[in-house]
Amino acid sequence: MKIQPGIYQHYKGPLYRVIGAARHSETDEWLVTYQTLYGEFDLWIQPLAPL
């Protein structure tokens, strides 16, 4: 699964930096890794929604 890394803006306004896609080691589920570009600049991982 490919996802284009880069800066994205959420429809509510905040900016996020998408780092890339990763696979869960036990379920083989595709996940997206991203960072908030506000506040504490937290890193997050969540399921990658199908296009």
PDB file of N, CA and C in Angstrom:
ATOM      1  N   MET A   1       0.863  -1.177   0.000  1.00  0.00           N
ATOM      2  CA  MET A   1       0.000   0.000   0.000  1.00  0.00           C
ATOM      3  C   MET A   1       0.902   1.229   0.000  1.00  0.00           C
ATOM      4  N   LYS A   2       0.585   2.182  -0.850  1.00  0.00           N
ATOM      5  CA  LYS A   2       1.377   3.406  -0.905  1.00  0.00           C
ATOM      6  C   LYS A   2       0.527   4.584  -0.469  1.00  0.00           C
ATOM      7  N   ILE A   3       1.180   5.496   0.200  1.00  0.00           N
ATOM      8  CA  ILE A   3       0.563   6.761   0.573  1.00  0.00           C
ATOM      9  C   ILE A   3       1.619   7.830   0.341  1.00  0.00           C
ATOM     10  N   GLN A   4       1.207   8.955  -0.178  1.00  0.00           N
ATOM     11  CA  GLN A   4       2.149  10.022  -0.490  1.00  0.00           C
ATOM     12  C   GLN A   4       2.522  10.779   0.778  1.00  0.00           C
ATOM     13  N   PRO A   5       3.782  10.687   1.221  1.00  0.00           N
ATOM     14  CA  PRO A   5       4.211  11.486   2.372  1.00  0.00           C
ATOM     15  C   PRO A   5       4.109  12.973   2.042  1.00  0.00           C
ATOM     16  N   GLY A   6       3.908  13.772   3.055  1.00  0.00           N
ATOM     17  CA  GLY A   6       3.833  15.212   2.845  1.00  0.00           C
ATOM     18  C   GLY A   6       2.971  15.884   3.889  1.00  0.00           C
ATOM     19  N   ILE A   7       2.714  17.160   3.679  1.00  0.00           N
ATOM     20  CA  ILE A   7       1.909  17.972   4.589  1.00  0.00           C
ATOM     21  C   ILE A   7       0.473  17.994   4.061  1.00  0.00           C
ATOM     22  N   TYR A   8      -0.461  17.683   4.950  1.00  0.00           N
ATOM     23  CA  TYR A   8      -1.882  17.668   4.595  1.00  0.00           C
ATOM     24  C   TYR A   8      -2.650  18.548   5.574  1.00  0.00           C
ATOM     25  N   GLN A   9      -3.716  19.161   5.083  1.00  0.00           N
ATOM     26  CA  GLN A   9      -4.563  19.976   5.946  1.00  0.00           C
ATOM     27  C   GLN A   9      -5.900  19.272   6.145  1.00  0.00           C
ATOM     28  N   HIS A  10      -6.261  19.089   7.407  1.00  0.00           N
ATOM     29  CA  HIS A  10      -7.552  18.498   7.766  1.00  0.00           C
ATOM     30  C   HIS A  10      -8.651  19.483   7.383  1.00  0.00           C
ATOM     31  N   TYR A  11      -9.830  18.981   7.072  1.00  0.00           N
ATOM     32  CA  TYR A  11     -10.918  19.884   6.664  1.00  0.00           C
ATOM     33  C   TYR A  11     -11.315  20.865   7.760  1.00  0.00           C
ATOM     34  N   LYS A  12     -10.955  20.562   9.032  1.00  0.00           N
ATOM     35  CA  LYS A  12     -11.237  21.487  10.131  1.00  0.00           C
ATOM     36  C   LYS A  12     -10.109  22.496  10.340  1.00  0.00           C
ATOM     37  N   GLY A  13      -9.007  22.381   9.590  1.00  0.00           N
ATOM     38  CA  GLY A  13      -7.959  23.385   9.634  1.00  0.00           C
ATOM     39  C   GLY A  13      -6.558  22.953  10.024  1.00  0.00           C
ATOM     40  N   PRO A  14      -6.370  22.060  11.023  1.00  0.00           N
ATOM     41  CA  PRO A  14      -5.012  21.727  11.459  1.00  0.00           C
ATOM     42  C   PRO A  14      -4.175  21.044  10.368  1.00  0.00           C
ATOM     43  N   LEU A  15      -2.863  21.235  10.464  1.00  0.00           N
ATOM     44  CA  LEU A  15      -1.929  20.610   9.536  1.00  0.00           C
ATOM     45  C   LEU A  15      -1.324  19.351  10.148  1.00  0.00           C
ATOM     46  N   TYR A  16      -1.055  18.376   9.269  1.00  0.00           N
ATOM     47  CA  TYR A  16      -0.452  17.105   9.667  1.00  0.00           C
ATOM     48  C   TYR A  16       0.636  16.744   8.666  1.00  0.00           C
ATOM     49  N   ARG A  17       1.692  16.094   9.145  1.00  0.00           N
ATOM     50  CA  ARG A  17       2.743  15.582   8.267  1.00  0.00           C
ATOM     51  C   ARG A  17       2.583  14.071   8.192  1.00  0.00           C
ATOM     52  N   VAL A  18       2.241  13.569   7.014  1.00  0.00           N
ATOM     53  CA  VAL A  18       2.147  12.124   6.809  1.00  0.00           C
ATOM     54  C   VAL A  18       3.553  11.602   6.560  1.00  0.00           C
ATOM     55  N   ILE A  19       3.956  10.624   7.372  1.00  0.00           N
ATOM     56  CA  ILE A  19       5.293  10.046   7.274  1.00  0.00           C
ATOM     57  C   ILE A  19       5.288   8.871   6.303  1.00  0.00           C
ATOM     58  N   GLY A  20       4.274   8.031   6.387  1.00  0.00           N
ATOM     59  CA  GLY A  20       4.179   6.904   5.471  1.00  0.00           C
ATOM     60  C   GLY A  20       3.243   5.836   5.984  1.00  0.00           C
ATOM     61  N   ALA A  21       3.207   4.730   5.254  1.00  0.00           N
ATOM     62  CA  ALA A  21       2.365   3.594   5.622  1.00  0.00           C
ATOM     63  C   ALA A  21       3.221   2.530   6.292  1.00  0.00           C
ATOM     64  N   ALA A  22       2.602   1.794   7.193  1.00  0.00           N
ATOM     65  CA  ALA A  22       3.272   0.694   7.892  1.00  0.00           C
ATOM     66  C   ALA A  22       2.272  -0.439   8.049  1.00  0.00           C
ATOM     67  N   ARG A  23       2.777  -1.619   8.329  1.00  0.00           N
ATOM     68  CA  ARG A  23       1.913  -2.785   8.497  1.00  0.00           C
ATOM     69  C   ARG A  23       1.980  -3.280   9.931  1.00  0.00           C
ATOM     70  N   HIS A  24       0.827  -3.600  10.504  1.00  0.00           N
ATOM     71  CA  HIS A  24       0.761  -4.141  11.865  1.00  0.00           C
ATOM     72  C   HIS A  24       1.434  -5.509  11.880  1.00  0.00           C
ATOM     73  N   SER A  25       2.288  -5.746  12.864  1.00  0.00           N
ATOM     74  CA  SER A  25       3.084  -6.981  12.900  1.00  0.00           C
ATOM     75  C   SER A  25       2.262  -8.238  13.152  1.00  0.00           C
ATOM     76  N   GLU A  26       1.105  -8.116  13.755  1.00  0.00           N
ATOM     77  CA  GLU A  26       0.302  -9.301  14.067  1.00  0.00           C
ATOM     78  C   GLU A  26      -0.906  -9.477  13.155  1.00  0.00           C
ATOM     79  N   THR A  27      -1.512  -8.370  12.728  1.00  0.00           N
ATOM     80  CA  THR A  27      -2.742  -8.470  11.929  1.00  0.00           C
ATOM     81  C   THR A  27      -2.520  -8.222  10.440  1.00  0.00           C
ATOM     82  N   ASP A  28      -1.349  -7.720  10.071  1.00  0.00           N
ATOM     83  CA  ASP A  28      -1.014  -7.380   8.686  1.00  0.00           C
ATOM     84  C   ASP A  28      -1.854  -6.209   8.164  1.00  0.00           C
ATOM     85  N   GLU A  29      -2.533  -5.499   9.054  1.00  0.00           N
ATOM     86  CA  GLU A  29      -3.363  -4.346   8.681  1.00  0.00           C
ATOM     87  C   GLU A  29      -2.469  -3.165   8.305  1.00  0.00           C
ATOM     88  N   TRP A  30      -2.866  -2.441   7.247  1.00  0.00           N
ATOM     89  CA  TRP A  30      -2.130  -1.246   6.851  1.00  0.00           C
ATOM     90  C   TRP A  30      -2.499  -0.077   7.761  1.00  0.00           C
ATOM     91  N   LEU A  31      -1.482   0.679   8.174  1.00  0.00           N
ATOM     92  CA  LEU A  31      -1.642   1.829   9.062  1.00  0.00           C
ATOM     93  C   LEU A  31      -0.931   3.023   8.450  1.00  0.00           C
ATOM     94  N   VAL A  32      -1.375   4.208   8.806  1.00  0.00           N
ATOM     95  CA  VAL A  32      -0.686   5.424   8.384  1.00  0.00           C
ATOM     96  C   VAL A  32      -0.037   6.052   9.615  1.00  0.00           C
ATOM     97  N   THR A  33       1.200   6.499   9.450  1.00  0.00           N
ATOM     98  CA  THR A  33       1.942   7.171  10.516  1.00  0.00           C
ATOM     99  C   THR A  33       1.978   8.657  10.177  1.00  0.00           C
ATOM    100  N   TYR A  34       1.569   9.484  11.135  1.00  0.00           N
ATOM    101  CA  TYR A  34       1.543  10.923  10.878  1.00  0.00           C
ATOM    102  C   TYR A  34       1.867  11.700  12.144  1.00  0.00           C
ATOM    103  N   GLN A  35       2.177  12.974  11.956  1.00  0.00           N
ATOM    104  CA  GLN A  35       2.555  13.857  13.060  1.00  0.00           C
ATOM    105  C   GLN A  35       1.708  15.119  12.999  1.00  0.00           C
ATOM    106  N   THR A  36       1.219  15.530  14.172  1.00  0.00           N
ATOM    107  CA  THR A  36       0.503  16.804  14.232  1.00  0.00           C
ATOM    108  C   THR A  36       1.520  17.933  14.091  1.00  0.00           C
ATOM    109  N   LEU A  37       1.152  18.971  13.393  1.00  0.00           N
ATOM    110  CA  LEU A  37       2.035  20.131  13.235  1.00  0.00           C
ATOM    111  C   LEU A  37       1.526  21.292  14.079  1.00  0.00           C
ATOM    112  N   TYR A  38       1.112  20.949  15.287  1.00  0.00           N
ATOM    113  CA  TYR A  38       0.647  21.926  16.264  1.00  0.00           C
ATOM    114  C   TYR A  38       0.818  21.301  17.638  1.00  0.00           C
ATOM    115  N   GLY A  39       0.700  22.092  18.681  1.00  0.00           N
ATOM    116  CA  GLY A  39       0.779  21.575  20.052  1.00  0.00           C
ATOM    117  C   GLY A  39       2.109  20.904  20.340  1.00  0.00           C
ATOM    118  N   GLU A  40       2.050  19.649  20.787  1.00  0.00           N
ATOM    119  CA  GLU A  40       3.252  18.893  21.155  1.00  0.00           C
ATOM    120  C   GLU A  40       3.881  18.154  19.968  1.00  0.00           C
ATOM    121  N   PHE A  41       3.344  18.321  18.766  1.00  0.00           N
ATOM    122  CA  PHE A  41       3.851  17.652  17.563  1.00  0.00           C
ATOM    123  C   PHE A  41       3.889  16.133  17.757  1.00  0.00           C
ATOM    124  N   ASP A  42       2.782  15.603  18.306  1.00  0.00           N
ATOM    125  CA  ASP A  42       2.674  14.174  18.603  1.00  0.00           C
ATOM    126  C   ASP A  42       2.724  13.327  17.336  1.00  0.00           C
ATOM    127  N   LEU A  43       3.217  12.097  17.496  1.00  0.00           N
ATOM    128  CA  LEU A  43       3.168  11.095  16.431  1.00  0.00           C
ATOM    129  C   LEU A  43       1.962  10.199  16.664  1.00  0.00           C
ATOM    130  N   TRP A  44       1.274   9.855  15.577  1.00  0.00           N
ATOM    131  CA  TRP A  44       0.084   9.017  15.655  1.00  0.00           C
ATOM    132  C   TRP A  44       0.149   7.937  14.590  1.00  0.00           C
ATOM    133  N   ILE A  45      -0.537   6.834  14.874  1.00  0.00           N
ATOM    134  CA  ILE A  45      -0.699   5.757  13.903  1.00  0.00           C
ATOM    135  C   ILE A  45      -2.163   5.341  13.950  1.00  0.00           C
ATOM    136  N   GLN A  46      -2.774   5.219  12.771  1.00  0.00           N
ATOM    137  CA  GLN A  46      -4.166   4.770  12.727  1.00  0.00           C
ATOM    138  C   GLN A  46      -4.386   3.961  11.459  1.00  0.00           C
ATOM    139  N   PRO A  47      -5.472   3.181  11.417  1.00  0.00           N
ATOM    140  CA  PRO A  47      -5.741   2.376  10.219  1.00  0.00           C
ATOM    141  C   PRO A  47      -5.824   3.253   8.972  1.00  0.00           C
ATOM    142  N   LEU A  48      -5.271   2.734   7.900  1.00  0.00           N
ATOM    143  CA  LEU A  48      -5.294   3.434   6.623  1.00  0.00           C
ATOM    144  C   LEU A  48      -6.595   3.084   5.922  1.00  0.00           C
ATOM    145  N   ALA A  49      -7.461   4.060   5.760  1.00  0.00           N
ATOM    146  CA  ALA A  49      -8.770   3.841   5.132  1.00  0.00           C
ATOM    147  C   ALA A  49      -8.581   3.542   3.645  1.00  0.00           C
ATOM    148  N   PRO A  50      -9.346   2.603   3.119  1.00  0.00           N
ATOM    149  CA  PRO A  50      -9.257   2.316   1.677  1.00  0.00           C
ATOM    150  C   PRO A  50      -9.715   3.520   0.863  1.00  0.00           C
ATOM    151  N   LEU A  51      -9.109   3.696  -0.289  1.00  0.00           N
ATOM    152  CA  LEU A  51      -9.468   4.830  -1.155  1.00  0.00           C
ATOM    153  C   LEU A  51     -10.665   4.497  -1.999  1.00  0.00           C
TER     154      LEU A  51
END
